[in-house]
Protein backbone atom coordinates (compact mmCIF):
# COMPACT_ATOMS: atom_id res chain seq x y z
CA UNK A 1 -41.94 -31.67 227.53
CA UNK A 2 -43.81 -33.53 230.56
CA UNK A 3 -41.38 -35.91 232.06
CA UNK A 4 -43.11 -38.64 234.00
CA UNK A 5 -41.35 -41.74 236.21
CA UNK A 6 -42.94 -44.33 238.15
CA UNK A 7 -41.58 -47.84 239.20
CA UNK A 8 -43.42 -50.68 240.60
CA UNK A 9 -42.23 -54.35 242.17
CA UNK A 10 -43.88 -57.25 241.06
CA UNK A 11 -44.24 -60.84 242.64
CA UNK A 12 -42.82 -62.66 239.03
CA UNK A 13 -39.79 -63.17 237.96
CA UNK A 14 -38.05 -60.73 234.98
CA UNK A 15 -38.55 -62.79 231.51
CA UNK A 16 -42.70 -62.87 232.95
CA UNK A 17 -42.42 -59.16 232.98
CA UNK A 18 -41.50 -58.76 230.10
CA UNK A 19 -43.48 -61.63 228.08
CA UNK A 20 -46.51 -59.88 229.13
CA UNK A 21 -45.83 -56.25 228.82
CA UNK A 22 -44.33 -56.74 224.81
CA UNK A 23 -46.99 -58.03 224.04
CA UNK A 24 -49.38 -55.06 222.70
CA UNK A 25 -52.85 -56.52 223.54
CA UNK A 26 -52.27 -56.89 226.93
CA UNK A 27 -51.29 -53.17 227.34
CA UNK A 28 -55.62 -52.27 227.34
CA UNK A 29 -55.73 -55.10 230.55
CA UNK A 30 -53.20 -52.33 233.25
CA UNK A 31 -53.34 -48.91 230.78
CA UNK A 32 -56.66 -47.83 231.82
CA UNK A 33 -56.80 -45.42 228.21
CA UNK A 34 -56.12 -47.64 225.88
CA UNK A 35 -59.01 -49.33 224.19
CA UNK A 36 -57.23 -51.76 221.71
CA UNK A 37 -53.42 -52.58 220.79
CA UNK A 38 -52.63 -54.45 218.06
CA UNK A 39 -49.03 -55.36 216.65
CA UNK A 40 -48.88 -54.13 213.20
CA UNK A 41 -45.37 -55.77 212.09
CA UNK A 42 -44.61 -59.08 212.56
CA UNK A 43 -42.05 -61.08 214.95
CA UNK A 44 -41.03 -60.65 218.38
CA UNK A 45 -40.64 -56.88 219.64
CA UNK A 46 -37.30 -56.07 218.59
CA UNK A 47 -35.91 -52.55 216.88
CA UNK A 48 -38.62 -51.52 214.27
CA UNK A 49 -41.52 -53.10 215.43
CA UNK A 50 -44.67 -51.52 215.37
CA UNK A 51 -47.82 -51.20 217.54
CA UNK A 52 -51.31 -49.46 216.41
CA UNK A 53 -53.88 -48.66 219.37
CA UNK A 54 -56.96 -46.95 220.28
CA UNK A 55 -57.22 -44.60 222.99
CA UNK A 56 -59.33 -42.25 224.90
CA UNK A 57 -57.90 -39.27 226.07
CA UNK A 58 -60.13 -36.22 227.64
CA UNK A 59 -63.21 -37.74 226.53
CA UNK A 60 -61.14 -37.73 222.50
CA UNK A 61 -60.76 -40.84 220.99
CA UNK A 62 -57.36 -41.59 219.36
CA UNK A 63 -55.82 -44.00 217.04
CA UNK A 64 -52.04 -43.87 217.08
CA UNK A 65 -48.90 -45.86 216.38
CA UNK A 66 -45.48 -46.12 217.91
CA UNK A 67 -42.19 -47.51 216.90
CA UNK A 68 -39.49 -49.78 219.35
CA UNK A 69 -36.37 -47.30 219.00
CA UNK A 70 -34.21 -49.27 221.32
CA UNK A 71 -34.95 -53.23 222.69
CA UNK A 72 -32.62 -55.43 225.29
CA UNK A 73 -35.04 -58.54 226.39
CA UNK A 74 -35.59 -59.06 229.65
CA UNK A 75 -34.30 -55.10 230.44
CA UNK A 76 -35.19 -52.66 228.60
CA UNK A 77 -37.24 -51.01 225.82
CA UNK A 78 -37.69 -47.43 224.43
CA UNK A 79 -40.43 -46.60 221.85
CA UNK A 80 -41.77 -43.22 219.96
CA UNK A 81 -45.15 -42.13 218.72
CA UNK A 82 -44.79 -42.38 214.83
CA UNK A 83 -48.08 -41.06 213.87
CA UNK A 84 -50.18 -40.10 216.66
CA UNK A 85 -51.91 -36.61 217.48
CA UNK A 86 -49.46 -35.80 220.75
CA UNK A 87 -45.86 -36.46 220.48
CA UNK A 88 -44.11 -39.00 223.13
CA UNK A 89 -41.40 -41.36 223.92
CA UNK A 90 -41.01 -44.11 226.62
CA UNK A 91 -39.17 -46.41 228.12
CA UNK A 92 -39.65 -48.92 230.43
CA UNK A 93 -36.87 -51.31 232.39
CA UNK A 94 -36.91 -54.50 234.08
CA UNK A 95 -34.35 -55.18 237.37
CA UNK A 96 -34.55 -58.07 239.34
CA UNK A 97 -35.31 -58.22 242.55
CA UNK A 98 -35.06 -61.12 245.27
CA UNK A 99 -37.19 -63.29 243.58
CA UNK A 100 -39.75 -60.05 241.78
CA UNK A 101 -39.47 -57.27 239.44
CA UNK A 102 -38.57 -53.38 239.65
CA UNK A 103 -40.50 -52.40 236.48
CA UNK A 104 -39.83 -48.38 235.58
CA UNK A 105 -42.06 -46.36 232.83
CA UNK A 106 -40.22 -43.87 231.46
CA UNK A 107 -42.74 -41.19 229.45
CA UNK A 108 -41.53 -37.30 227.40
CA UNK A 109 -44.72 -36.53 226.16
CA UNK A 110 -45.49 -32.77 224.63
CA UNK A 111 -48.56 -31.23 225.97
CA UNK A 112 -50.16 -29.97 223.32
CA UNK A 113 -50.90 -26.87 224.69
CA UNK A 114 -49.75 -23.19 224.28
CA UNK A 115 -50.14 -19.76 225.43
CA UNK A 116 -52.28 -18.82 228.51
CA UNK A 117 -54.16 -21.82 228.48
CA UNK A 118 -50.98 -24.38 228.58
CA UNK A 119 -50.07 -22.18 231.11
CA UNK A 120 -52.77 -23.31 233.65
CA UNK A 121 -54.12 -26.88 232.06
CA UNK A 122 -50.33 -28.35 232.37
CA UNK A 123 -50.29 -28.39 235.85
CA UNK A 124 -53.49 -30.54 235.60
CA UNK A 125 -52.70 -32.65 233.67
CA UNK A 126 -49.35 -33.76 234.81
CA UNK A 127 -50.75 -34.27 237.97
CA UNK A 128 -53.77 -36.58 235.70
CA UNK A 129 -50.79 -38.28 234.17
CA UNK A 130 -48.63 -38.62 237.25
CA UNK A 131 -51.84 -40.46 238.62
CA UNK A 132 -52.92 -42.49 235.51
CA UNK A 133 -49.55 -43.74 234.97
CA UNK A 134 -49.23 -44.60 239.22
CA UNK A 135 -52.27 -46.56 238.55
CA UNK A 136 -51.43 -48.29 235.52
CA UNK A 137 -48.24 -49.64 237.21
CA UNK A 138 -50.34 -51.11 240.15
CA UNK A 139 -53.06 -52.64 237.67
CA UNK A 140 -50.18 -54.45 236.19
CA UNK A 141 -48.51 -55.76 239.66
CA UNK A 142 -52.04 -56.89 240.79
CA UNK A 143 -52.75 -58.63 237.08
CA UNK A 144 -49.59 -60.77 236.74
CA UNK A 145 -49.88 -61.35 240.82
CA UNK A 146 -52.99 -63.48 240.10
CA UNK A 147 -51.59 -64.40 236.12
CA UNK A 148 -50.62 -68.37 236.17
């Protein structure tokens, strides 16, 4: 299980960041591997809310679904894959930081690669995933800094 965590300071209040990151259609704007994400349940994000997304990973198109397992508005949320080729879980946390927001994203992912290939590919994929997470968080901070 690969574990990744990264944080970014965003020059926006917590409630603005929460509203943006919990709107499914905004994810492809700041997460480059996502092409389309939609909420497939009704209402605001809460425990049980499901999203469906299309992504491209290592040149392969994938569709998956996630379900929110915890939700504390303007504070934190957790979700996990429920219908996906890869098993993963993620958590987000938002903290007020002097008029800005510290946004932290944690993910735990099963690589799906075993044996000799997994032993060699694992570190490469982990490094690429770490860089992609940092780039996504920088994108998020940039997008929200210009949003009015």
